[in-house]
Structure formats: structure tokens, C-alpha cells
Protein backbone atom coordinates (compact mmCIF):
# COMPACT_ATOMS: atom_id res chain seq x y z
CA MET A 1 11.17 31.13 -0.77
CA SER A 2 13.63 28.21 -1.25
CA LEU A 3 12.56 25.02 0.27
CA THR A 4 16.10 23.58 0.03
CA ARG A 5 19.52 24.23 1.39
CA ARG A 6 21.88 23.60 -1.42
CA VAL A 7 25.39 24.35 -2.85
CA SER A 8 25.14 26.49 -5.88
CA SER A 9 25.30 24.43 -9.09
CA SER A 10 24.55 24.72 -12.80
CA LEU A 11 22.96 21.31 -12.68
CA PRO A 12 19.07 20.94 -12.62
CA GLN A 13 17.41 21.05 -9.23
CA PHE A 14 16.69 17.60 -7.96
CA VAL A 15 15.21 18.05 -4.45
CA GLY A 16 12.24 17.00 -2.25
CA PHE A 17 11.26 15.61 1.07
CA ALA A 18 10.02 12.34 2.61
CA LYS A 19 6.65 11.60 4.02
CA ARG A 20 7.69 9.11 6.61
CA SER A 21 7.30 10.15 10.19
CA PHE A 22 9.54 9.08 13.05
CA LYS A 23 8.04 11.36 15.82
CA SER A 24 7.91 8.38 18.20
CA TYR A 25 11.36 6.90 17.27
CA LYS A 26 13.72 6.28 20.14
CA LEU A 27 17.45 5.71 19.92
CA PRO A 28 18.58 2.17 20.98
CA GLY A 29 19.26 2.19 24.70
CA ASP A 30 17.55 5.51 25.33
CA PRO A 31 15.40 5.57 28.50
CA SER A 32 11.75 5.78 27.88
CA SER A 33 11.56 9.31 29.23
CA SER A 34 13.88 10.56 26.40
CA PRO A 35 12.34 12.96 23.91
CA SER A 36 10.94 11.85 20.57
CA LEU A 37 13.23 12.20 17.64
CA THR A 38 12.60 13.66 14.28
CA TYR A 39 13.45 12.18 10.76
CA GLY A 40 15.75 13.81 8.31
CA ILE A 41 17.32 13.14 4.95
CA HIS A 42 20.63 14.47 3.48
CA ILE A 43 21.98 13.99 -0.05
CA PHE A 44 25.59 14.66 -1.03
CA HIS A 45 27.30 14.90 -4.35
CA CYS A 46 30.99 15.86 -4.58
CA PRO A 47 34.42 14.80 -6.00
CA ASP A 48 35.28 11.39 -4.50
CA GLU A 49 37.96 10.98 -1.87
CA VAL A 50 38.81 8.85 1.04
CA GLY A 51 36.87 9.59 4.32
CA ILE A 52 33.59 11.10 3.08
CA VAL A 53 31.35 8.55 4.54
CA ALA A 54 33.19 8.88 7.98
CA LYS A 55 32.82 12.58 8.02
CA LEU A 56 29.17 12.54 7.11
CA SER A 57 28.56 9.95 9.85
CA GLU A 58 30.63 12.03 12.36
CA CYS A 59 28.57 15.17 11.46
CA ILE A 60 25.28 13.41 12.43
CA ALA A 61 26.70 11.45 15.42
CA SER A 62 28.43 14.48 16.90
CA ARG A 63 25.02 16.22 17.28
CA GLY A 64 23.38 13.11 18.89
CA GLY A 65 21.88 11.89 15.58
CA ASN A 66 21.54 8.34 14.52
CA ILE A 67 21.82 7.11 11.00
CA LEU A 68 18.94 4.71 9.97
CA GLY A 69 20.20 3.89 6.53
CA ALA A 70 22.61 5.14 3.98
CA ASP A 71 23.17 4.66 0.20
CA VAL A 72 26.44 5.33 -1.49
CA PHE A 73 27.26 5.26 -5.19
CA VAL A 74 30.86 5.84 -6.64
CA PRO A 75 30.83 5.12 -10.42
CA GLU A 76 33.74 3.02 -11.67
CA ASN A 77 36.61 5.02 -12.97
CA LYS A 78 34.88 8.32 -12.24
CA ASN A 79 35.99 10.78 -9.54
CA VAL A 80 32.53 11.35 -8.13
CA PHE A 81 30.69 10.45 -4.95
CA TYR A 82 26.92 10.25 -4.25
CA SER A 83 25.12 9.51 -1.04
CA ARG A 84 21.80 9.60 0.66
CA SER A 85 21.43 9.31 4.24
CA GLU A 86 18.35 8.87 6.55
CA PHE A 87 18.81 9.81 10.17
CA VAL A 88 16.93 10.78 13.33
CA PHE A 89 17.80 13.56 15.62
CA ASP A 90 16.58 15.61 18.70
CA PRO A 91 15.76 18.99 17.31
CA VAL A 92 16.31 20.55 20.74
CA LYS A 93 19.97 19.35 20.59
CA TRP A 94 20.43 19.95 17.00
CA PRO A 95 18.41 23.00 15.81
CA ARG A 96 17.39 23.14 12.19
CA GLU A 97 19.59 26.07 11.36
CA GLN A 98 22.68 24.48 13.08
CA MET A 99 22.07 21.40 10.91
CA ASP A 100 22.24 23.67 7.69
CA GLU A 101 25.47 25.14 9.08
CA ASP A 102 27.01 21.77 9.82
CA PHE A 103 26.30 20.23 6.44
CA MET A 104 27.44 23.41 4.74
CA LYS A 105 30.83 22.99 6.48
CA LEU A 106 31.10 19.59 4.96
CA SER A 107 30.02 20.93 1.43
CA ARG A 108 32.86 23.50 1.58
CA MET A 109 35.32 20.93 2.70
CA TYR A 110 34.71 18.66 -0.13
CA SER A 111 33.80 21.25 -2.78
CA ALA A 112 30.42 19.57 -3.17
CA THR A 113 28.20 20.14 -6.19
CA ARG A 114 25.14 19.38 -4.24
CA SER A 115 24.25 19.14 -0.48
CA VAL A 116 20.62 19.10 0.45
CA VAL A 117 19.01 18.39 3.82
CA ARG A 118 15.27 17.95 4.46
CA VAL A 119 13.35 17.52 7.71
CA PRO A 120 9.76 16.63 6.62
CA ASP A 121 8.17 17.49 9.95
CA LEU A 122 9.74 20.89 10.00
CA ASP A 123 10.24 22.06 6.44
CA PRO A 124 7.33 23.14 4.25
CA LYS A 125 5.96 20.90 1.53
CA PHE A 126 6.87 21.47 -2.10
CA LYS A 127 4.39 23.43 -3.99
CA ILE A 128 3.51 22.14 -7.51
CA SER A 129 1.27 22.82 -10.36
CA VAL A 130 -0.12 20.24 -12.56
CA LEU A 131 -0.59 20.58 -16.27
CA ALA A 132 -2.99 18.24 -18.03
CA SER A 133 -4.92 17.97 -21.24
CA LYS A 134 -8.03 15.90 -22.03
CA GLN A 135 -7.09 12.52 -20.54
CA ASP A 136 -7.91 12.43 -16.82
CA HIS A 137 -6.26 9.27 -15.53
CA CYS A 138 -2.94 10.61 -14.38
CA LEU A 139 -4.56 14.01 -13.15
CA VAL A 140 -7.18 12.17 -11.12
CA ASP A 141 -4.54 9.82 -9.52
CA LEU A 142 -2.44 12.75 -8.47
CA LEU A 143 -5.44 14.52 -6.91
CA HIS A 144 -6.35 11.53 -4.85
CA GLY A 145 -2.75 10.94 -4.04
CA TRP A 146 -2.49 14.40 -2.72
CA GLN A 147 -5.86 14.05 -0.82
CA ASP A 148 -4.74 10.72 0.78
CA ARG A 149 -1.29 12.21 1.59
CA ARG A 150 0.41 9.56 -0.46
CA LEU A 151 2.06 12.46 -2.37
CA PRO A 152 3.79 14.94 0.03
CA VAL A 153 3.13 18.00 -2.00
CA ASP A 154 0.71 20.99 -2.02
CA ILE A 155 -1.09 21.46 -5.44
CA THR A 156 -1.25 25.11 -6.14
CA CYS A 157 -3.40 24.94 -9.26
CA VAL A 158 -4.30 22.76 -12.31
CA ILE A 159 -3.62 24.17 -15.68
CA SER A 160 -5.26 22.71 -18.87
CA ASN A 161 -5.69 23.44 -22.51
CA HIS A 162 -8.95 21.37 -22.37
CA HIS A 163 -12.29 22.77 -21.21
CA ARG A 164 -14.04 20.73 -18.52
CA ASP A 165 -17.68 20.95 -17.56
CA PRO A 166 -18.34 22.11 -13.94
CA ASN A 167 -20.17 18.87 -13.06
CA THR A 168 -17.30 16.56 -13.97
CA HIS A 169 -15.53 14.57 -11.30
CA VAL A 170 -12.28 16.60 -11.66
CA MET A 171 -13.96 20.02 -11.42
CA SER A 172 -16.13 18.87 -8.47
CA PHE A 173 -12.96 17.67 -6.69
CA LEU A 174 -11.03 20.85 -7.24
CA GLU A 175 -13.90 23.02 -6.16
CA ARG A 176 -14.34 21.04 -2.95
CA ASN A 177 -10.73 21.33 -2.15
CA ASN A 178 -10.17 24.97 -3.20
CA ILE A 179 -7.70 24.16 -6.08
CA PRO A 180 -7.84 26.68 -8.86
CA TYR A 181 -8.43 25.37 -12.42
CA HIS A 182 -7.08 27.42 -15.36
CA TYR A 183 -8.37 26.72 -18.76
CA LEU A 184 -5.90 28.13 -21.35
CA GLN A 185 -6.97 27.37 -24.87
CA THR A 186 -3.80 26.85 -26.96
CA THR A 187 -3.24 27.11 -30.73
CA LYS A 188 -0.21 26.11 -32.80
CA GLU A 189 0.87 29.80 -32.83
CA ASN A 190 0.11 30.52 -29.16
CA LYS A 191 0.83 28.05 -26.52
CA ARG A 192 -0.05 30.59 -23.63
CA GLU A 193 3.37 30.00 -22.12
CA GLY A 194 3.65 33.46 -20.70
CA GLU A 195 0.33 33.05 -18.80
CA ILE A 196 1.35 29.55 -17.62
CA LEU A 197 4.65 31.05 -16.31
CA GLU A 198 2.75 33.74 -14.17
CA LEU A 199 0.61 30.93 -12.66
CA VAL A 200 3.57 28.73 -11.68
CA LEU A 201 5.81 31.45 -10.51
CA ASN A 202 5.95 30.36 -6.84
CA THR A 203 5.89 26.61 -7.52
CA ASP A 204 8.92 24.38 -6.69
CA PHE A 205 8.49 22.06 -9.66
CA LEU A 206 5.87 21.19 -12.25
CA VAL A 207 4.11 17.93 -13.22
CA LEU A 208 2.93 17.18 -16.73
CA ALA A 209 -0.09 14.67 -16.16
CA ARG A 210 -0.45 13.79 -19.80
CA TYR A 211 -0.22 17.38 -21.00
CA MET A 212 -0.21 17.10 -24.76
CA GLN A 213 1.65 20.30 -25.56
CA VAL A 214 5.43 20.73 -25.99
CA LEU A 215 7.00 23.22 -23.64
CA SER A 216 9.58 25.44 -25.41
CA GLY A 217 13.14 25.91 -24.51
CA HIS A 218 12.29 29.35 -23.62
CA PHE A 219 9.68 28.30 -21.15
CA LEU A 220 12.02 25.84 -19.50
CA ARG A 221 14.90 28.27 -19.27
CA THR A 222 12.56 31.04 -17.90
CA TYR A 223 10.91 28.81 -15.30
CA GLY A 224 14.30 27.32 -14.28
CA LYS A 225 13.15 24.49 -12.22
CA ASP A 226 12.39 20.88 -12.69
CA VAL A 227 9.45 19.63 -14.72
CA ILE A 228 8.45 16.00 -14.56
CA ASN A 229 6.61 14.33 -17.43
CA ILE A 230 5.02 10.90 -18.07
CA HIS A 231 4.39 9.04 -21.40
CA HIS A 232 3.51 5.67 -22.55
CA GLY A 233 6.30 3.24 -23.44
CA LEU A 234 5.01 2.62 -26.89
CA LEU A 235 7.36 5.17 -28.41
CA PRO A 236 9.24 5.37 -30.89
CA SER A 237 7.49 2.46 -32.65
CA PHE A 238 3.88 3.82 -32.32
CA LYS A 239 3.77 7.56 -32.93
CA GLY A 240 0.86 9.90 -33.62
CA GLY A 241 -2.76 9.43 -32.64
CA ASN A 242 -4.18 6.44 -30.72
CA PRO A 243 -0.81 4.82 -30.04
CA CYS A 244 -2.52 2.01 -27.88
CA LYS A 245 -4.70 0.98 -30.82
CA GLN A 246 -1.54 0.83 -33.02
CA ALA A 247 0.39 -1.26 -30.52
CA PHE A 248 -2.67 -3.56 -29.90
CA ASP A 249 -3.16 -4.11 -33.61
CA ALA A 250 0.55 -4.94 -33.95
CA GLY A 251 0.23 -7.60 -31.25
CA VAL A 252 2.90 -6.28 -28.80
CA LYS A 253 3.55 -8.46 -25.82
CA LEU A 254 5.12 -5.76 -23.43
CA ILE A 255 3.96 -2.28 -22.67
CA GLY A 256 5.40 0.28 -20.35
CA ALA A 257 5.43 3.82 -19.10
CA THR A 258 8.37 6.30 -18.53
CA SER A 259 8.49 9.29 -16.18
CA HIS A 260 11.41 11.75 -16.83
CA PHE A 261 12.63 15.26 -16.58
CA VAL A 262 11.64 17.71 -19.29
CA THR A 263 14.39 19.06 -21.45
CA GLU A 264 14.43 21.02 -24.77
CA GLU A 265 14.81 17.62 -26.63
CA LEU A 266 11.39 16.06 -26.82
CA ASP A 267 10.92 12.98 -24.52
CA SER A 268 14.62 12.69 -24.02
CA GLY A 269 15.25 14.05 -20.61
CA PRO A 270 16.82 12.03 -17.67
CA ILE A 271 14.65 9.16 -16.73
CA ILE A 272 13.35 8.96 -13.17
CA GLU A 273 11.18 5.88 -13.35
CA GLN A 274 10.12 3.21 -15.79
CA MET A 275 7.45 0.42 -15.45
CA VAL A 276 6.46 -2.53 -17.69
CA GLU A 277 3.68 -5.11 -17.89
CA ARG A 278 2.94 -8.11 -20.13
CA VAL A 279 -0.08 -8.17 -22.40
CA SER A 280 -1.25 -11.09 -24.41
CA HIS A 281 -3.61 -12.28 -27.01
CA ARG A 282 -6.25 -12.55 -24.26
CA ASP A 283 -6.33 -8.78 -23.86
CA ASN A 284 -8.97 -6.83 -25.83
CA LEU A 285 -8.41 -3.20 -26.72
CA GLN A 286 -10.30 -2.00 -23.53
CA SER A 287 -8.02 -4.06 -21.10
CA PHE A 288 -4.97 -3.19 -23.16
CA VAL A 289 -5.68 0.57 -22.70
CA GLN A 290 -6.56 0.06 -19.13
CA LYS A 291 -3.10 -1.64 -18.40
CA SER A 292 -1.30 1.19 -20.18
CA GLU A 293 -3.03 3.87 -18.19
CA ASN A 294 -2.46 2.09 -14.92
CA LEU A 295 1.28 1.92 -15.65
CA GLU A 296 1.26 5.64 -16.34
CA ARG A 297 -0.43 6.50 -13.17
CA GLN A 298 1.85 4.20 -11.01
CA CYS A 299 4.94 5.40 -12.78
CA LEU A 300 4.27 9.06 -12.42
CA SER A 301 3.25 8.78 -8.83
CA LYS A 302 6.35 6.83 -7.97
CA ALA A 303 8.60 9.30 -9.79
CA ILE A 304 7.13 12.22 -7.79
CA ARG A 305 7.58 10.34 -4.50
CA SER A 306 11.15 9.48 -5.40
CA TYR A 307 11.90 13.08 -6.28
CA CYS A 308 10.23 14.35 -3.00
CA GLU A 309 12.09 11.88 -0.99
CA LEU A 310 15.44 13.08 -2.32
CA ARG A 311 16.15 9.82 -4.12
CA VAL A 312 16.91 11.35 -7.60
CA LEU A 313 20.26 12.92 -8.38
CA PRO A 314 21.66 14.09 -11.64
CA TYR A 315 24.33 11.74 -13.11
CA GLU A 316 26.36 12.62 -16.20
CA GLU A 317 24.85 14.57 -18.83
CA ASN A 318 21.48 12.90 -19.28
CA ARG A 319 21.25 10.14 -16.62
CA THR A 320 20.05 9.92 -12.96
CA VAL A 321 21.05 8.11 -9.78
CA VAL A 322 17.91 6.94 -8.12
CA PHE A 323 18.48 5.57 -4.58
């Protein structure tokens, strides 16, 4: 089942929904007896021309909606328009299906590449699967983010090429919350991609939480949806095993983390989020590693939230607009 309403496009799928709630929001000047309003998000990507913002505003206002905020990006010397709007509306006056129809009319009017509308209180959450290897720090953070509702997703399963004992923190958490764990031992010759594809068939996107296996082009084409990855910012200088130790021994002063979409070219997909932090001679190897892992956790979590809140749009061949 598709969780988005979108214009057909050959570009990757960049979609999501916000976790903010405006159930008690009232329009300025409305009487106290007026109904509570619902929060929505709309993103638009089309060839640029005069009057697009006015038409988007008119579409929302004509149904009694009120725009809370809007971001627009029109690249210099490029005939392309990007926008992201947050608005509130009365679902009685503007039913969900009517909203889809209204925005679709705008899409056809402007030959839009992408038009996506999300209503967090009415639309289902995105279903994701998490792939992880031995390192737990990103996986644990995602699980707790899901539990605390900081991440507006439903985790269908965790897939790993690393065996975990039943009494570990991760396995206990998964069992308590009825999240399946699939251990698929991989070899150089067999990455178990066919089995992974079967397990993630009904997901909306995948998250690689320090999954130390390279997904093949065949896997990515067959899955056909977005895959979000995280890696430390020590590449390309410090490759191979134990990059933190290599960087620590080299005396680097700045470390980072990058979250990006997965493409067939290794670690070269469109960037969603990056974070950096200073380190110094006062750091020992333990504090150095801890800072690096904290950055990876924060960077991946923020990338997922941005994606789910419709803040990420494809731009040119290998870039993103992040509102």
C-alpha cells in the first residue's frame, strides 16, 4: 500500500511525515467553539514559473486552511522550483481525499515532478526495517527513538549478519516489543540478499544502522525504494579496520558523520545530513570513539526525522534540498 500521493517520476522516492501535532490549534480570530484543526505538509517540485506560490496558497486557503510556514528554493539559472509548506485545516471542511485531488490539479497544471502531501494524524506511519551488524550504538538509538516516539516510524524487523545472544540488551528489547530479529549469516559469495528482499517487501524505506555489508545494484533496483545509510566522517583518509584508532593515532582535530542515500556507488549517494565535532590532545582513544559514535547516532536519527518530515528532496543528479 502506498503511503504517499505523488506524481510519477523516475527520481528516487523521498517522502515521509511529521510527528508534530496540532490537534488543538485554532486559526487566529476563530471563536473558542471552533473545531480543532489538523496539521499537514505538502512538498512540490516542478519547472519554475511565475505564480506558483500564489496558487499553492490559494489551494490551501480556498479550503479554509492556514499556512503556518513555507520554504521555497529556486536555484540560480535553473528552471526548477522546490517548496515545502506546513498548514492546518479542518478535516471536515477539507476531507483527505479532496485534498489529494486539489493538489493533484496543481501538479497537472505545473507538470510537477513531485507533489506529496502528508497528514500525520490521519496517514499511516512509515514502515521500515533496520539492517545492522555487530556494532549496536546506532541500532540501540533507533530502537529507543522509536519507543520514545522521537522517530515517527514503525519498525517491522531487524536484520543482521551478526548473531546476538538472547540475554543481550538488543534481543531483550526486541522480544519485549515483538519486533522480529532475523540473523542471516553472510559470506563473500552469498550476501543473502534474496532473503532480505523477502523480509523487507512491505517496507517503505530501509535504514542501515552500521550494516557492514555492501548492497548490490541488483538489490537496490529490485527493492526500488530509498535506503538510508550512516558512516563515520573519517573516510577517505582512514579506510579498513579500526578507522577511529587510525584517526586517533594521526592526531586529527575534527571528526564527523554522514548520513546519505544508498546508491550503487559505495558511500557516494546524495547526502541528507552531516555533523562534526572537535577532538583534541586531551581525548584518549575511548573518548574519541565515544564522540564518533555519538555523532553517528545523532546524524542518523536526524536524517530519518528529516526524511519523514518531508524535508528532503532530490536535487540535480547527486544532491539534495533539505528544508
